Amino acid sequence: MSATIPITLQAVPVPIGISAADINQLLTIIAQFMSASINQDVSFFQTVSADPTQKTTDIIFNEAQGIFKQWSVGIGAYVAITENQPGDIKSSFVAGDSPQTGWIICDGRTISGIQGISQSQLSVLNQLFGIGGSLPTLTAQVLSGLPATGTFSGITITDITPPQSQIGNLPFSGTYNPVEEQNLAANTETLRGSTANLKSSTQAIATASEALLAALRNATSAGLYTSVFVGYPA
C-alpha cells in the first residue's frame, strides 16, 4: 500500500552573488541551495542478494534467503530477525533439510555428515547434541498415551445365569395363586432376557473399541517429519 510522505523544503542562504542566463541555470541554482527534510517517521531498509560484510544500514532484506536481517555489533555481521530460537522443533511435511531457513531433519544422522550447513549452524548443533554427536531420531506421531492392546477385549463380561427359560418354566404347586406365580416367573424371565441383551451390547462395544484401539495404535503420520531449528546461515 503506497502512502504520501510529507517533505519540507527550505531555502539555504546563498553566500555569494549569483546570475542565471536561462531557466535551466536558475533551476540548478535553486536546487543547489535548497534543504529538504521528511517530517514523518519513516523507516528504510536495503535490499541485497548477499549480506554486506560491513554495516551499511541497520536493517537489510536478503532476497536470496527471503528474510530480514539486522546488524549485530557483537557478531560483526547481519543476523536474521526471527522469532524461532535455536533448539526449537516443529513437525511438517518437508522431508529434507532446509539450511537456508534454518531447519534440519532429526533422523539420527551424525552431525559431521550433515551437508550444506554453515559454520554457525554446525556450532548450534554441537551445542545442542555434543561435538561429534548425532541428531536425535524424532518420529512425529498423531496420537500418544493410548491404552495397551487388549484393554477392551480383556474386560471380563459375566455370563448370564440361570439359562434362558429356566425361571419361566419353574413348576409351582397348587398351594399358591397360579396367576401370581406365573406373573412372577414371566417378569423374571423378561428381566433375564434384557440382561442377556445388555451383555450382547457390551460385548459388541468391547469388540468395536478394541478394533478402534488397534487402528489408532497402528496409525502413523506418513510423510510427517520433525525438524530442529539451528538458526539462519551466517
Protein backbone atom coordinates (compact mmCIF):
# COMPACT_ATOMS: atom_id res chain seq x y z
CA MET A 1 0.00 0.00 0.00
CA SER A 2 1.56 3.29 -1.07
CA ALA A 3 1.44 6.44 1.07
CA THR A 4 2.47 10.05 0.60
CA ILE A 5 5.49 11.12 2.65
CA PRO A 6 5.40 14.85 3.58
CA ILE A 7 8.67 16.60 2.70
CA THR A 8 9.55 20.12 3.88
CA LEU A 9 11.70 22.26 1.56
CA GLN A 10 13.67 25.19 2.94
CA ALA A 11 15.89 27.71 1.18
CA VAL A 12 19.53 27.89 2.24
CA PRO A 13 21.14 31.38 2.33
CA VAL A 14 23.30 31.91 -0.74
CA PRO A 15 26.76 33.09 0.38
CA ILE A 16 27.74 34.64 -2.96
CA GLY A 17 26.15 36.68 -5.69
CA ILE A 18 24.66 34.62 -8.49
CA SER A 19 23.35 35.11 -12.00
CA ALA A 20 21.41 32.87 -14.35
CA ALA A 21 21.32 33.21 -18.11
CA ASP A 22 18.33 30.88 -18.65
CA ILE A 23 15.70 28.89 -16.78
CA ASN A 24 17.87 25.76 -16.56
CA GLN A 25 20.68 27.63 -14.81
CA LEU A 26 18.13 29.18 -12.44
CA LEU A 27 16.70 25.79 -11.54
CA THR A 28 20.20 24.41 -10.96
CA ILE A 29 20.99 27.23 -8.58
CA ILE A 30 17.70 26.79 -6.71
CA ALA A 31 18.29 23.05 -6.30
CA GLN A 32 21.86 23.62 -5.15
CA PHE A 33 20.83 25.95 -2.32
CA MET A 34 17.72 24.07 -1.10
CA SER A 35 17.40 21.96 2.05
CA ALA A 36 14.78 19.23 2.44
CA SER A 37 13.57 17.17 5.39
CA ILE A 38 10.94 14.48 5.96
CA ASN A 39 8.58 15.49 8.76
CA GLN A 40 7.19 11.97 9.42
CA ASP A 41 8.76 8.85 10.95
CA VAL A 42 9.88 6.69 8.02
CA SER A 43 11.98 3.51 8.00
CA PHE A 44 14.19 2.45 5.11
CA PHE A 45 15.94 -0.86 4.52
CA GLN A 46 18.42 -2.03 1.94
CA THR A 47 17.59 -4.91 -0.42
CA VAL A 48 20.53 -7.22 -1.18
CA SER A 49 21.19 -10.62 -2.75
CA ALA A 50 24.12 -11.27 -0.37
CA ASP A 51 24.80 -9.84 3.07
CA PRO A 52 27.27 -6.93 3.16
CA THR A 53 30.37 -7.76 5.18
CA GLN A 54 30.23 -4.34 6.83
CA LYS A 55 27.34 -2.31 8.24
CA THR A 56 25.64 -0.28 5.53
CA THR A 57 22.29 0.26 7.26
CA ASP A 58 20.55 -1.02 10.38
CA ILE A 59 18.19 -3.41 8.53
CA ILE A 60 18.53 -5.27 5.24
CA PHE A 61 16.33 -7.69 3.30
CA ASN A 62 18.18 -10.66 1.82
CA GLU A 63 16.28 -11.55 -1.36
CA ALA A 64 18.09 -14.86 -1.83
CA GLN A 65 17.08 -16.08 1.64
CA GLY A 66 13.80 -14.19 1.82
CA ILE A 67 14.46 -12.82 5.33
CA PHE A 68 15.05 -9.52 7.10
CA LYS A 69 18.34 -9.09 8.95
CA GLN A 70 19.76 -6.59 11.41
CA TRP A 71 23.36 -5.63 12.08
CA SER A 72 24.82 -7.33 15.17
CA VAL A 73 27.58 -5.30 16.82
CA GLY A 74 28.68 -8.30 18.89
CA ILE A 75 28.96 -10.67 15.92
CA GLY A 76 30.02 -8.07 13.38
CA ALA A 77 27.60 -9.35 10.75
CA TYR A 78 23.97 -9.21 9.71
CA VAL A 79 21.83 -11.76 11.59
CA ALA A 80 18.30 -12.89 10.81
CA ILE A 81 15.34 -11.32 12.56
CA THR A 82 13.28 -14.34 13.68
CA GLU A 83 11.00 -15.49 16.47
CA ASN A 84 12.47 -19.02 16.39
CA GLN A 85 15.21 -19.89 18.84
CA PRO A 86 17.95 -22.48 18.21
CA GLY A 87 16.68 -25.80 19.53
CA ASP A 88 13.01 -25.21 18.65
CA ILE A 89 11.40 -28.18 16.93
CA LYS A 90 8.45 -28.48 14.57
CA SER A 91 6.62 -31.16 12.61
CA SER A 92 5.98 -30.59 8.94
CA PHE A 93 5.59 -32.37 5.61
CA VAL A 94 9.04 -31.20 4.47
CA ALA A 95 11.09 -34.38 4.09
CA GLY A 96 14.58 -32.88 3.90
CA ASP A 97 16.90 -30.32 5.43
CA SER A 98 16.38 -26.63 4.71
CA PRO A 99 19.59 -24.88 5.84
CA GLN A 100 18.53 -21.61 4.17
CA THR A 101 15.53 -21.38 6.50
CA GLY A 102 17.39 -22.94 9.44
CA TRP A 103 15.60 -26.32 9.78
CA ILE A 104 17.34 -29.72 9.95
CA ILE A 105 15.54 -33.10 9.94
CA CYS A 106 16.04 -35.10 13.17
CA ASP A 107 16.73 -38.54 11.70
CA GLY A 108 19.67 -39.85 13.74
CA ARG A 109 22.48 -38.75 11.38
CA THR A 110 25.90 -37.87 12.72
CA ILE A 111 26.31 -34.11 12.88
CA SER A 112 29.53 -34.24 10.88
CA GLY A 113 27.67 -35.86 7.99
CA ILE A 114 25.08 -33.12 7.52
CA GLN A 115 25.60 -31.34 4.21
CA GLY A 116 25.07 -27.70 3.26
CA ILE A 117 25.02 -26.09 6.70
CA SER A 118 27.05 -23.05 7.74
CA GLN A 119 29.66 -22.95 10.47
CA SER A 120 27.25 -21.10 12.78
CA GLN A 121 24.60 -23.79 12.24
CA LEU A 122 27.16 -26.51 12.90
CA SER A 123 28.06 -24.77 16.16
CA VAL A 124 24.41 -24.75 17.22
CA LEU A 125 24.08 -28.49 16.55
CA ASN A 126 27.27 -29.18 18.51
CA GLN A 127 25.93 -27.15 21.41
CA LEU A 128 22.60 -28.98 21.33
CA PHE A 129 23.81 -32.55 20.84
CA GLY A 130 27.52 -32.51 21.63
CA ILE A 131 30.61 -32.22 19.47
CA GLY A 132 30.89 -35.32 17.30
CA GLY A 133 27.40 -36.36 18.34
CA SER A 134 24.33 -37.32 16.37
CA LEU A 135 20.91 -35.88 15.76
CA PRO A 136 18.09 -37.48 17.75
CA THR A 137 15.63 -39.65 15.88
CA LEU A 138 12.26 -37.99 16.32
CA THR A 139 9.19 -39.51 14.71
CA ALA A 140 6.12 -37.34 14.60
CA GLN A 141 3.06 -39.26 15.79
CA VAL A 142 -0.55 -38.26 15.65
CA LEU A 143 -1.57 -39.91 18.95
CA SER A 144 0.16 -40.94 22.16
CA GLY A 145 -0.84 -42.28 25.56
CA LEU A 146 -3.28 -44.83 24.14
CA PRO A 147 -4.41 -47.81 26.25
CA ALA A 148 -2.46 -51.02 25.82
CA THR A 149 -3.52 -53.59 23.26
CA GLY A 150 -6.20 -55.88 24.70
CA THR A 151 -7.52 -53.29 27.14
CA PHE A 152 -11.09 -53.57 25.88
CA SER A 153 -11.11 -57.19 24.75
CA GLY A 154 -9.72 -58.18 28.13
CA ILE A 155 -12.71 -56.82 30.06
CA THR A 156 -14.47 -59.71 31.81
CA ILE A 157 -18.17 -59.91 30.93
CA THR A 158 -20.08 -62.12 33.37
CA ASP A 159 -22.19 -64.91 31.89
CA ILE A 160 -25.93 -64.64 32.33
CA THR A 161 -27.37 -67.23 34.73
CA PRO A 162 -29.53 -69.17 35.04
CA PRO A 163 -30.05 -70.40 31.46
CA GLN A 164 -32.75 -68.87 29.34
CA SER A 165 -36.33 -70.10 30.15
CA GLN A 166 -35.30 -71.85 33.37
CA ILE A 167 -37.09 -69.30 35.51
CA GLY A 168 -40.09 -69.06 33.23
CA ASN A 169 -40.59 -72.84 33.26
CA LEU A 170 -40.37 -73.28 37.02
CA PRO A 171 -43.21 -75.53 38.28
CA PHE A 172 -45.46 -74.27 41.04
CA SER A 173 -47.64 -76.30 43.38
CA GLY A 174 -51.34 -75.55 43.79
CA THR A 175 -50.76 -74.13 47.26
CA TYR A 176 -50.23 -70.63 45.84
CA ASN A 177 -52.21 -68.46 43.44
CA PRO A 178 -51.21 -69.77 40.00
CA VAL A 179 -51.75 -66.40 38.31
CA GLU A 180 -49.39 -64.56 40.67
CA GLU A 181 -46.83 -67.33 40.37
CA GLN A 182 -46.92 -67.21 36.62
CA ASN A 183 -46.65 -63.42 36.54
CA LEU A 184 -43.58 -63.55 38.78
CA ALA A 185 -41.94 -66.17 36.60
CA ALA A 186 -42.76 -64.33 33.36
CA ASN A 187 -41.49 -60.99 34.61
CA THR A 188 -38.33 -62.54 36.00
CA GLU A 189 -37.70 -64.22 32.65
CA THR A 190 -38.19 -60.85 30.91
CA LEU A 191 -35.60 -59.31 33.24
CA ARG A 192 -33.21 -62.11 32.45
CA GLY A 193 -33.72 -61.56 28.72
CA SER A 194 -32.99 -57.83 28.93
CA THR A 195 -29.82 -58.59 30.92
CA ALA A 196 -28.73 -61.01 28.19
CA ASN A 197 -29.33 -58.33 25.57
CA LEU A 198 -27.24 -55.90 27.59
CA LYS A 199 -24.41 -58.44 27.69
CA SER A 200 -24.50 -58.76 23.90
CA SER A 201 -24.36 -54.97 23.50
CA THR A 202 -21.46 -54.74 25.96
CA GLN A 203 -19.56 -57.41 24.04
CA ALA A 204 -20.16 -55.55 20.77
CA ILE A 205 -18.91 -52.28 22.29
CA ALA A 206 -15.78 -54.01 23.63
CA THR A 207 -15.08 -55.59 20.24
CA ALA A 208 -15.52 -52.31 18.35
CA SER A 209 -13.44 -50.40 20.91
CA GLU A 210 -10.62 -52.92 20.61
CA ALA A 211 -10.67 -52.59 16.82
CA LEU A 212 -10.55 -48.80 17.10
CA LEU A 213 -7.67 -49.01 19.58
CA ALA A 214 -5.72 -51.25 17.19
CA ALA A 215 -6.29 -48.85 14.32
CA LEU A 216 -5.14 -45.86 16.39
CA ARG A 217 -2.06 -47.65 17.73
CA ASN A 218 -1.04 -48.68 14.23
CA ALA A 219 -1.73 -45.26 12.74
CA THR A 220 1.41 -43.34 11.84
CA SER A 221 1.60 -39.97 10.21
CA ALA A 222 3.20 -40.90 6.90
CA GLY A 223 5.14 -38.00 5.48
CA LEU A 224 5.24 -36.02 8.74
CA TYR A 225 8.79 -35.15 9.79
CA THR A 226 10.32 -33.46 12.83
CA SER A 227 13.00 -30.79 12.39
CA VAL A 228 15.15 -28.72 14.75
CA PHE A 229 15.85 -25.03 14.22
CA VAL A 230 19.59 -24.23 14.08
CA GLY A 231 19.40 -20.57 13.02
CA TYR A 232 19.85 -18.95 9.64
CA PRO A 233 23.22 -19.37 7.91
CA ALA A 234 25.61 -16.60 8.83
